[in-house]
Amino acid sequence: MKSGETLIDFARWAAAQLGLEVTDDDGTLRMHLPEDARDRFGGEETVVLADGATVEPSVLDWLCDELRGQGPIVHTRPCDQPEAVSALAPRLFAAYQIDGGRVHLAGCRLEERPFLRFTFAVASDAPFKAVRHAWVGEDLERVPNERIAALRLDTLQPFGDPPPHIDQARLAAMSSAASQLAAQQQRSGDPANNVTPPLAAALVWAKYAVGQLQFTVGDQAVLLPFEGWARTLQPPPYVCPLSGTTTFHLAATDDGRIAPAEQIAACARSGRRVLAGELARCQITGLEVLPEFVRACPVTGEPVLHDQFVECPTCRQQVSSAVLTGNGCQGCSNPPTVPADDPRLASILGAHPELGRWRRWRLGETATAYIVRGEGLLRQMLVVLDRTTLKITHMARRGRVAHRWVPLPADLWPR
């Protein structure tokens, strides 16, 4: 039970806390009484408690009196919790895979963190059969049953000497919170119930781990902080500051950066191992390469390997082979008609007023160029201009019904 337990369970803990000699056999607990306690029980040398059997209040009173004799608060701890950092290391290390490297602790400490338990007799017709507990933590909040079970706060043993120090103001605050919780519990059944003082008060010290792991590959290392209850501590995932992904599998790039192995890839051209996000995928081949092996196609804006560029036979731009269509590329093959007051056309005519004799215009554009087509009754003129400087880079002409553009030599461009 978490917030309550049978009297025999409580007596078993109290006997261990008091150092009494006990015999525990199939749910029957025989406590061997010290000589100075035997008169209280008619000279008997043992007290026998059995699961489900009624127990005289005098047994519970005597155990609680003996506990209070150790002080207002007794110190106890969960059974079988990790007692040393060395007990945590194998559990943590086993979670990680470090390609070409290793993991080790770069500092870790175990702290004693207190829980306060007040114990009360269950309100019922005497004799007693059960007790209940009010639990609070350092945050002065009720301890959930799930945490009590996870940390095994319900399976306790004496802490031993010396017990940890606790600030009296801190203890007073926890005691006040436990008293308020107990009052709520006692009055939950009947608001008229009187609040009774606890039979026993115990500080249960559970170990809390704080530290950091170090992952080392070559001469590079990264740190991963961790903390949590020693009994339930789970290895945390590494959060990569470079990619934002989480992992338990680490490796290093060729330039020594430690990152999730899943986020490291090799350049298809150079073989260099880098972060996958640093590679560009060629629009044509699908190969993932370093940016130095690609450039953006001016028509699509997509990265393309250098050797996948060709010259467009119409506008003479270097474009991806994927955008060629018929006698041109997607940037120049069929530019839309634009009015004379189109701002782009106005800028072009302002820089080259000699083009103003054409009455009908088509205008296409890529990332690097404007493609202007002037159309008359018998002829068409193609002018390619640098988009930034408006400098002419290519000119061609053809007849109205011709399909092939005839390039014009540069010395004829002014005419």
Protein backbone atom coordinates (compact mmCIF):
# COMPACT_ATOMS: atom_id res chain seq x y z
CA MET A 1 0.00 0.00 0.00
CA LYS A 2 1.24 3.54 -0.69
CA SER A 3 -0.73 5.95 1.53
CA GLY A 4 -1.59 3.19 4.01
CA GLU A 5 -0.52 -0.27 5.11
CA THR A 6 -1.41 -3.05 7.52
CA LEU A 7 -0.28 -2.77 11.07
CA ILE A 8 2.02 -5.76 10.67
CA ASP A 9 3.82 -3.98 7.81
CA PHE A 10 4.23 -0.88 9.92
CA ALA A 11 5.38 -2.98 12.88
CA ARG A 12 7.92 -4.77 10.68
CA TRP A 13 9.44 -1.41 9.68
CA ALA A 14 9.31 -0.04 13.24
CA ALA A 15 11.04 -3.15 14.61
CA ALA A 16 13.83 -2.81 12.06
CA GLN A 17 14.14 0.89 12.82
CA LEU A 18 14.39 0.13 16.53
CA GLY A 19 16.82 -2.73 16.04
CA LEU A 20 14.52 -5.28 17.61
CA GLU A 21 15.07 -8.99 17.14
CA VAL A 22 12.22 -10.35 15.05
CA THR A 23 11.16 -13.59 13.47
CA ASP A 24 9.15 -13.18 10.28
CA ASP A 25 7.46 -16.36 9.10
CA ASP A 26 4.67 -16.50 6.48
CA GLY A 27 2.99 -13.28 7.55
CA THR A 28 3.43 -13.90 11.26
CA LEU A 29 5.77 -11.45 12.99
CA ARG A 30 7.26 -12.30 16.37
CA MET A 31 8.96 -9.37 18.06
CA HIS A 32 11.33 -10.23 20.88
CA LEU A 33 10.79 -7.63 23.56
CA PRO A 34 13.67 -6.02 25.43
CA GLU A 35 13.59 -6.66 29.16
CA ASP A 36 12.53 -3.13 30.05
CA ALA A 37 9.41 -3.50 27.91
CA ARG A 38 8.17 -6.87 29.14
CA ASP A 39 6.32 -5.53 32.18
CA ARG A 40 4.17 -3.53 29.77
CA PHE A 41 3.02 -6.81 28.24
CA GLY A 42 2.51 -8.89 31.39
CA GLY A 43 6.04 -10.29 31.38
CA GLU A 44 5.76 -11.76 27.88
CA GLU A 45 9.06 -12.09 26.01
CA THR A 46 7.52 -11.81 22.54
CA VAL A 47 4.65 -10.08 20.86
CA VAL A 48 3.05 -11.93 17.97
CA LEU A 49 1.37 -10.11 15.08
CA ALA A 50 -0.34 -11.94 12.24
CA ASP A 51 -1.84 -10.63 9.01
CA GLY A 52 -5.56 -10.09 9.41
CA ALA A 53 -5.50 -10.62 13.16
CA THR A 54 -6.63 -7.93 15.60
CA VAL A 55 -3.90 -6.12 17.48
CA GLU A 56 -4.22 -4.43 20.79
CA PRO A 57 -3.65 -0.64 20.77
CA SER A 58 -0.94 -1.13 23.41
CA VAL A 59 1.32 -2.75 20.77
CA LEU A 60 1.01 0.19 18.44
CA ASP A 61 1.40 2.65 21.32
CA TRP A 62 4.56 0.95 22.54
CA LEU A 63 6.18 0.88 19.07
CA CYS A 64 5.40 4.55 18.55
CA ASP A 65 6.71 5.46 22.01
CA GLU A 66 9.96 3.67 21.22
CA LEU A 67 10.22 5.48 17.85
CA ARG A 68 9.65 8.84 19.51
CA GLY A 69 12.40 7.91 21.92
CA GLN A 70 14.82 8.16 19.00
CA GLY A 71 13.77 11.78 18.51
CA PRO A 72 10.84 13.69 17.05
CA ILE A 73 11.82 12.52 13.57
CA VAL A 74 13.31 9.15 12.70
CA HIS A 75 15.58 8.83 9.66
CA THR A 76 15.06 6.01 7.18
CA ARG A 77 15.75 5.21 3.54
CA PRO A 78 14.40 3.00 0.74
CA CYS A 79 15.79 -0.50 0.48
CA ASP A 80 18.01 -1.47 -2.45
CA GLN A 81 18.45 1.97 -3.98
CA PRO A 82 21.78 2.71 -5.73
CA GLU A 83 24.23 3.81 -3.08
CA ALA A 84 27.19 4.81 -5.30
CA VAL A 85 27.82 6.50 -8.64
CA SER A 86 29.47 3.31 -9.85
CA ALA A 87 26.08 1.59 -9.70
CA LEU A 88 24.60 4.11 -12.15
CA ALA A 89 27.37 4.14 -14.76
CA PRO A 90 26.65 0.79 -16.48
CA ARG A 91 22.97 1.64 -16.85
CA LEU A 92 23.81 5.00 -18.42
CA PHE A 93 26.65 3.86 -20.68
CA ALA A 94 24.72 0.92 -22.15
CA ALA A 95 22.23 3.27 -23.82
CA TYR A 96 24.75 4.98 -26.12
CA GLN A 97 26.63 3.97 -29.25
CA ILE A 98 29.64 6.13 -30.06
CA ASP A 99 31.21 5.39 -33.45
CA GLY A 100 34.98 5.54 -33.06
CA GLY A 101 34.72 7.00 -29.57
CA ARG A 102 33.66 6.40 -26.00
CA VAL A 103 31.43 7.68 -23.21
CA HIS A 104 32.35 8.29 -19.57
CA LEU A 105 31.13 10.23 -16.55
CA ALA A 106 32.48 13.76 -16.38
CA GLY A 107 31.30 14.29 -12.83
CA CYS A 108 28.39 12.90 -10.83
CA ARG A 109 27.15 13.18 -7.26
CA LEU A 110 24.39 11.50 -5.29
CA GLU A 111 22.35 13.83 -3.09
CA GLU A 112 20.08 12.87 -0.22
CA ARG A 113 16.61 14.31 -0.87
CA PRO A 114 14.01 14.07 1.93
CA PHE A 115 10.39 12.98 1.96
CA LEU A 116 8.39 13.43 5.17
CA ARG A 117 5.98 10.70 6.25
CA PHE A 118 3.44 11.19 9.02
CA THR A 119 1.77 7.96 10.24
CA PHE A 120 -1.74 7.82 11.70
CA ALA A 121 -3.97 5.06 13.04
CA VAL A 122 -6.90 4.36 10.75
CA ALA A 123 -10.05 5.70 12.34
CA SER A 124 -12.08 2.59 13.12
CA ASP A 125 -13.27 0.50 16.00
CA ALA A 126 -10.33 -0.62 18.13
CA PRO A 127 -8.30 -2.79 18.15
CA PHE A 128 -6.19 -1.46 15.30
CA LYS A 129 -5.47 -3.31 12.08
CA ALA A 130 -4.00 -0.62 9.85
CA VAL A 131 -2.22 2.71 9.69
CA ARG A 132 -2.12 5.35 6.97
CA HIS A 133 0.50 7.84 5.91
CA ALA A 134 0.58 11.45 4.79
CA TRP A 135 3.52 12.08 2.44
CA VAL A 136 5.02 15.41 1.36
CA GLY A 137 8.16 16.22 -0.59
CA GLU A 138 10.65 19.07 -0.60
CA ASP A 139 8.24 21.07 -2.74
CA LEU A 140 5.69 20.84 0.11
CA GLU A 141 3.29 19.00 -2.19
CA ARG A 142 1.63 15.64 -1.67
CA VAL A 143 3.79 12.79 -3.00
CA PRO A 144 1.88 10.86 -5.69
CA ASN A 145 1.36 7.15 -5.14
CA GLU A 146 3.19 6.47 -8.41
CA ARG A 147 6.35 8.11 -7.08
CA ILE A 148 6.10 6.31 -3.76
CA ALA A 149 5.98 3.01 -5.63
CA ALA A 150 8.69 3.93 -8.16
CA LEU A 151 11.18 5.00 -5.48
CA ARG A 152 10.09 2.19 -3.12
CA LEU A 153 9.40 4.66 -0.36
CA ASP A 154 7.07 2.03 1.07
CA THR A 155 9.94 -0.46 1.61
CA LEU A 156 12.27 1.10 4.13
CA GLN A 157 15.29 0.40 6.31
CA PRO A 158 17.10 2.43 9.00
CA PHE A 159 19.30 5.15 7.58
CA GLY A 160 22.17 4.56 9.99
CA ASP A 161 24.46 7.08 11.61
CA PRO A 162 24.97 9.87 11.06
CA PRO A 163 21.71 10.90 9.39
CA PRO A 164 21.76 13.74 6.86
CA HIS A 165 21.37 17.27 8.16
CA ILE A 166 18.18 19.13 7.38
CA ASP A 167 17.60 22.82 7.99
CA GLN A 168 15.06 23.30 10.75
CA ALA A 169 13.10 25.91 8.83
CA ARG A 170 12.87 23.50 5.93
CA LEU A 171 11.72 20.69 8.23
CA ALA A 172 9.14 22.95 9.85
CA ALA A 173 7.70 23.86 6.45
CA MET A 174 7.47 20.20 5.43
CA SER A 175 5.85 19.30 8.77
CA SER A 176 3.26 22.04 8.35
CA ALA A 177 2.44 20.82 4.84
CA ALA A 178 2.17 17.21 6.06
CA SER A 179 -0.15 18.28 8.90
CA GLN A 180 -2.42 20.13 6.48
CA LEU A 181 -2.51 17.12 4.18
CA ALA A 182 -3.30 14.81 7.08
CA ALA A 183 -6.10 17.10 8.20
CA GLN A 184 -7.61 16.99 4.73
CA GLN A 185 -7.38 13.20 4.70
CA GLN A 186 -8.92 12.81 8.16
CA ARG A 187 -11.82 15.12 7.39
CA SER A 188 -12.49 13.75 3.93
CA GLY A 189 -14.85 11.14 5.38
CA ASP A 190 -16.50 13.32 8.01
CA PRO A 191 -15.83 17.09 8.27
CA ALA A 192 -16.61 16.83 11.97
CA ASN A 193 -13.67 14.51 12.66
CA ASN A 194 -11.06 15.84 15.02
CA VAL A 195 -7.54 16.03 13.66
CA THR A 196 -5.26 13.70 15.64
CA PRO A 197 -1.49 14.04 15.98
CA PRO A 198 0.68 11.55 14.07
CA LEU A 199 1.77 8.32 15.72
CA ALA A 200 5.21 8.60 14.12
CA ALA A 201 7.13 10.92 11.84
CA ALA A 202 9.89 9.76 9.52
CA LEU A 203 12.22 11.46 7.09
CA VAL A 204 12.76 9.12 4.16
CA TRP A 205 16.01 9.96 2.34
CA ALA A 206 16.08 8.99 -1.32
CA LYS A 207 19.16 9.42 -3.49
CA TYR A 208 19.08 11.92 -6.34
CA ALA A 209 21.76 11.88 -9.05
CA VAL A 210 23.21 15.01 -10.71
CA GLY A 211 26.00 14.77 -13.26
CA GLN A 212 27.03 14.86 -16.87
CA LEU A 213 28.20 12.40 -19.50
CA GLN A 214 31.09 13.10 -21.84
CA PHE A 215 31.15 11.71 -25.36
CA THR A 216 34.60 11.72 -26.95
CA VAL A 217 35.55 11.03 -30.57
CA GLY A 218 39.18 11.68 -31.43
CA ASP A 219 40.26 14.90 -29.76
CA GLN A 220 36.71 16.33 -29.68
CA ALA A 221 34.19 15.96 -26.86
CA VAL A 222 30.66 17.06 -25.98
CA LEU A 223 28.86 17.02 -22.63
CA LEU A 224 25.34 15.87 -21.75
CA PRO A 225 23.94 16.89 -18.33
CA PHE A 226 21.56 14.55 -16.53
CA GLU A 227 19.71 14.37 -13.24
CA GLY A 228 17.00 12.31 -11.64
CA TRP A 229 16.19 9.88 -8.85
CA ALA A 230 18.95 7.29 -8.62
CA ARG A 231 16.51 4.39 -8.58
CA THR A 232 14.57 5.46 -11.67
CA LEU A 233 17.24 7.43 -13.56
CA GLN A 234 17.02 6.87 -17.32
CA PRO A 235 19.75 7.79 -19.83
CA PRO A 236 18.75 11.06 -21.53
CA PRO A 237 18.99 11.45 -25.31
CA TYR A 238 21.68 13.73 -26.66
CA VAL A 239 20.19 16.87 -28.23
CA CYS A 240 22.40 18.02 -31.08
CA PRO A 241 22.95 21.81 -31.05
CA LEU A 242 23.86 21.67 -34.73
CA SER A 243 20.76 19.92 -36.09
CA GLY A 244 18.31 20.00 -33.15
CA THR A 245 17.72 16.23 -33.36
CA THR A 246 17.90 13.78 -30.46
CA THR A 247 19.81 10.51 -30.48
CA PHE A 248 21.60 7.79 -28.55
CA HIS A 249 23.97 7.13 -31.47
CA LEU A 250 26.81 9.59 -32.00
CA ALA A 251 29.57 9.92 -34.56
CA ALA A 252 31.90 12.62 -35.86
CA THR A 253 32.11 14.48 -39.15
CA ASP A 254 35.43 14.62 -41.00
CA ASP A 255 36.12 18.03 -39.48
CA GLY A 256 35.59 16.68 -35.96
CA ARG A 257 32.09 17.82 -35.10
CA ILE A 258 30.21 15.31 -32.94
CA ALA A 259 26.60 14.84 -34.03
CA PRO A 260 23.86 12.20 -34.33
CA ALA A 261 25.11 9.41 -36.59
CA GLU A 262 21.77 9.54 -38.40
CA GLN A 263 22.49 13.17 -39.35
CA ILE A 264 25.92 12.52 -40.87
CA ALA A 265 26.25 11.70 -44.59
CA ALA A 266 29.02 11.49 -47.18
CA CYS A 267 29.30 13.82 -50.15
CA ALA A 268 28.74 11.78 -53.34
CA ARG A 269 31.58 13.59 -55.11
CA SER A 270 34.28 14.11 -52.47
CA GLY A 271 33.37 11.42 -49.93
CA ARG A 272 33.65 13.94 -47.07
CA ARG A 273 31.45 13.15 -44.06
CA VAL A 274 29.46 16.21 -43.02
CA LEU A 275 26.06 16.99 -41.53
CA ALA A 276 23.35 15.81 -43.89
CA GLY A 277 21.77 19.25 -43.81
CA GLU A 278 24.94 20.72 -45.30
CA LEU A 279 24.60 18.70 -48.50
CA ALA A 280 22.64 19.79 -51.55
CA ARG A 281 20.62 17.38 -53.69
CA CYS A 282 21.17 17.76 -57.43
CA GLN A 283 17.84 18.33 -59.16
CA ILE A 284 18.80 16.08 -62.07
CA THR A 285 20.87 13.22 -60.64
CA GLY A 286 19.53 13.15 -57.09
CA LEU A 287 23.11 12.97 -55.77
CA GLU A 288 23.78 14.69 -52.44
CA VAL A 289 26.97 16.73 -52.58
CA LEU A 290 28.70 19.65 -50.93
CA PRO A 291 27.53 23.08 -52.12
CA GLU A 292 30.85 23.62 -53.95
CA PHE A 293 29.80 20.99 -56.50
CA VAL A 294 26.50 22.61 -57.45
CA ARG A 295 25.02 25.94 -58.38
CA ALA A 296 21.48 27.15 -58.75
CA CYS A 297 19.82 26.85 -62.14
CA PRO A 298 18.72 30.39 -63.08
CA VAL A 299 15.40 29.06 -64.37
CA THR A 300 14.31 26.77 -61.51
CA GLY A 301 16.51 28.00 -58.67
CA GLU A 302 17.24 24.37 -57.81
CA PRO A 303 20.81 23.13 -57.20
CA VAL A 304 22.37 21.29 -60.12
CA LEU A 305 25.80 19.68 -60.50
CA HIS A 306 28.21 21.77 -62.53
CA ASP A 307 28.50 19.13 -65.22
CA GLN A 308 24.73 19.07 -65.67
CA PHE A 309 24.59 22.64 -67.02
CA VAL A 310 24.24 23.30 -70.76
CA GLU A 311 23.95 26.44 -72.87
CA CYS A 312 20.45 27.28 -73.98
CA PRO A 313 20.56 27.55 -77.81
CA THR A 314 18.21 30.56 -77.75
CA CYS A 315 19.12 32.82 -74.79
CA ARG A 316 22.66 31.44 -74.42
CA GLN A 317 22.32 31.17 -70.62
CA GLN A 318 23.90 28.31 -68.72
CA VAL A 319 20.90 26.32 -67.50
CA SER A 320 20.08 22.87 -66.17
CA SER A 321 19.65 20.34 -68.93
CA ALA A 322 16.29 19.49 -67.37
CA VAL A 323 14.78 22.86 -68.39
CA LEU A 324 15.57 22.61 -72.11
CA THR A 325 12.46 22.46 -74.22
CA GLY A 326 12.43 22.49 -78.04
CA ASN A 327 14.81 25.17 -79.29
CA GLY A 328 15.14 26.98 -75.97
CA CYS A 329 14.69 26.69 -72.23
CA GLN A 330 11.70 27.22 -69.98
CA GLY A 331 12.94 30.75 -69.31
CA CYS A 332 12.91 31.99 -72.90
CA SER A 333 10.80 29.67 -75.03
CA ASN A 334 7.44 31.35 -74.50
CA PRO A 335 7.67 34.60 -72.51
CA PRO A 336 4.32 36.33 -71.79
CA THR A 337 3.19 39.52 -73.50
CA VAL A 338 3.60 42.65 -71.36
CA PRO A 339 2.31 46.23 -71.75
CA ALA A 340 4.72 49.08 -72.48
CA ASP A 341 4.25 50.44 -68.95
CA ASP A 342 5.48 47.24 -67.27
CA PRO A 343 8.04 48.53 -64.71
CA ARG A 344 10.64 46.00 -65.82
CA LEU A 345 10.23 46.91 -69.47
CA ALA A 346 10.30 50.60 -68.63
CA SER A 347 13.66 50.16 -66.90
CA ILE A 348 15.05 48.25 -69.89
CA LEU A 349 13.87 50.85 -72.41
CA GLY A 350 15.26 53.57 -70.21
CA ALA A 351 18.69 51.93 -70.37
CA HIS A 352 18.40 51.10 -74.08
CA PRO A 353 16.09 53.62 -75.76
CA GLU A 354 17.01 52.29 -79.20
CA LEU A 355 14.76 49.31 -78.44
CA GLY A 356 11.76 51.58 -78.23
CA ARG A 357 10.83 51.22 -81.91
CA TRP A 358 9.30 47.79 -81.26
CA ARG A 359 5.59 48.05 -80.53
CA ARG A 360 4.77 44.63 -79.11
CA TRP A 361 6.73 43.03 -76.30
CA ARG A 362 7.15 39.72 -74.57
CA LEU A 363 9.19 39.54 -71.39
CA GLY A 364 10.53 36.53 -69.55
CA GLU A 365 12.97 36.40 -66.66
CA THR A 366 15.24 34.05 -64.81
CA ALA A 367 17.21 34.53 -61.62
CA THR A 368 20.01 36.23 -63.57
CA ALA A 369 18.51 37.66 -66.77
CA TYR A 370 15.64 39.39 -68.50
CA ILE A 371 14.66 37.90 -71.87
CA VAL A 372 12.95 40.56 -74.02
CA ARG A 373 11.29 39.76 -77.33
CA GLY A 374 10.26 42.62 -79.59
CA GLU A 375 7.78 41.67 -82.30
CA GLY A 376 6.97 43.45 -85.57
CA LEU A 377 5.05 42.53 -88.69
CA LEU A 378 7.96 40.74 -90.34
CA ARG A 379 10.68 40.33 -87.76
CA GLN A 380 11.30 39.48 -84.13
CA MET A 381 14.21 40.58 -82.00
CA LEU A 382 15.48 38.69 -78.90
CA VAL A 383 17.48 40.64 -76.33
CA VAL A 384 18.99 39.04 -73.19
CA LEU A 385 20.07 41.43 -70.43
CA ASP A 386 21.83 40.99 -67.11
CA ARG A 387 19.12 41.37 -64.52
CA THR A 388 21.25 43.46 -62.19
CA THR A 389 23.09 45.77 -64.56
CA LEU A 390 20.70 45.67 -67.55
CA LYS A 391 23.75 45.11 -69.73
CA ILE A 392 22.97 43.24 -72.95
CA THR A 393 24.57 39.79 -73.00
CA HIS A 394 23.03 38.33 -76.16
CA MET A 395 20.93 39.36 -79.16
CA ALA A 396 19.29 37.36 -81.96
CA ARG A 397 16.67 37.82 -84.63
CA ARG A 398 14.40 35.76 -86.82
CA GLY A 399 11.62 36.17 -89.31
CA ARG A 400 8.06 36.26 -88.15
CA VAL A 401 7.34 32.67 -89.19
CA ALA A 402 10.86 31.28 -88.63
CA HIS A 403 11.64 28.95 -85.77
CA ARG A 404 15.39 29.39 -85.53
CA TRP A 405 16.97 32.44 -83.94
CA VAL A 406 20.03 33.86 -85.68
CA PRO A 407 22.58 35.35 -83.26
CA LEU A 408 23.71 38.92 -83.96
CA PRO A 409 27.41 39.81 -83.57
CA ALA A 410 28.10 42.14 -80.65
CA ASP A 411 29.24 44.94 -82.94
CA LEU A 412 25.76 45.10 -84.47
CA TRP A 413 23.96 45.35 -81.12
CA PRO A 414 23.97 49.20 -81.04
CA ARG A 415 22.13 49.29 -84.41
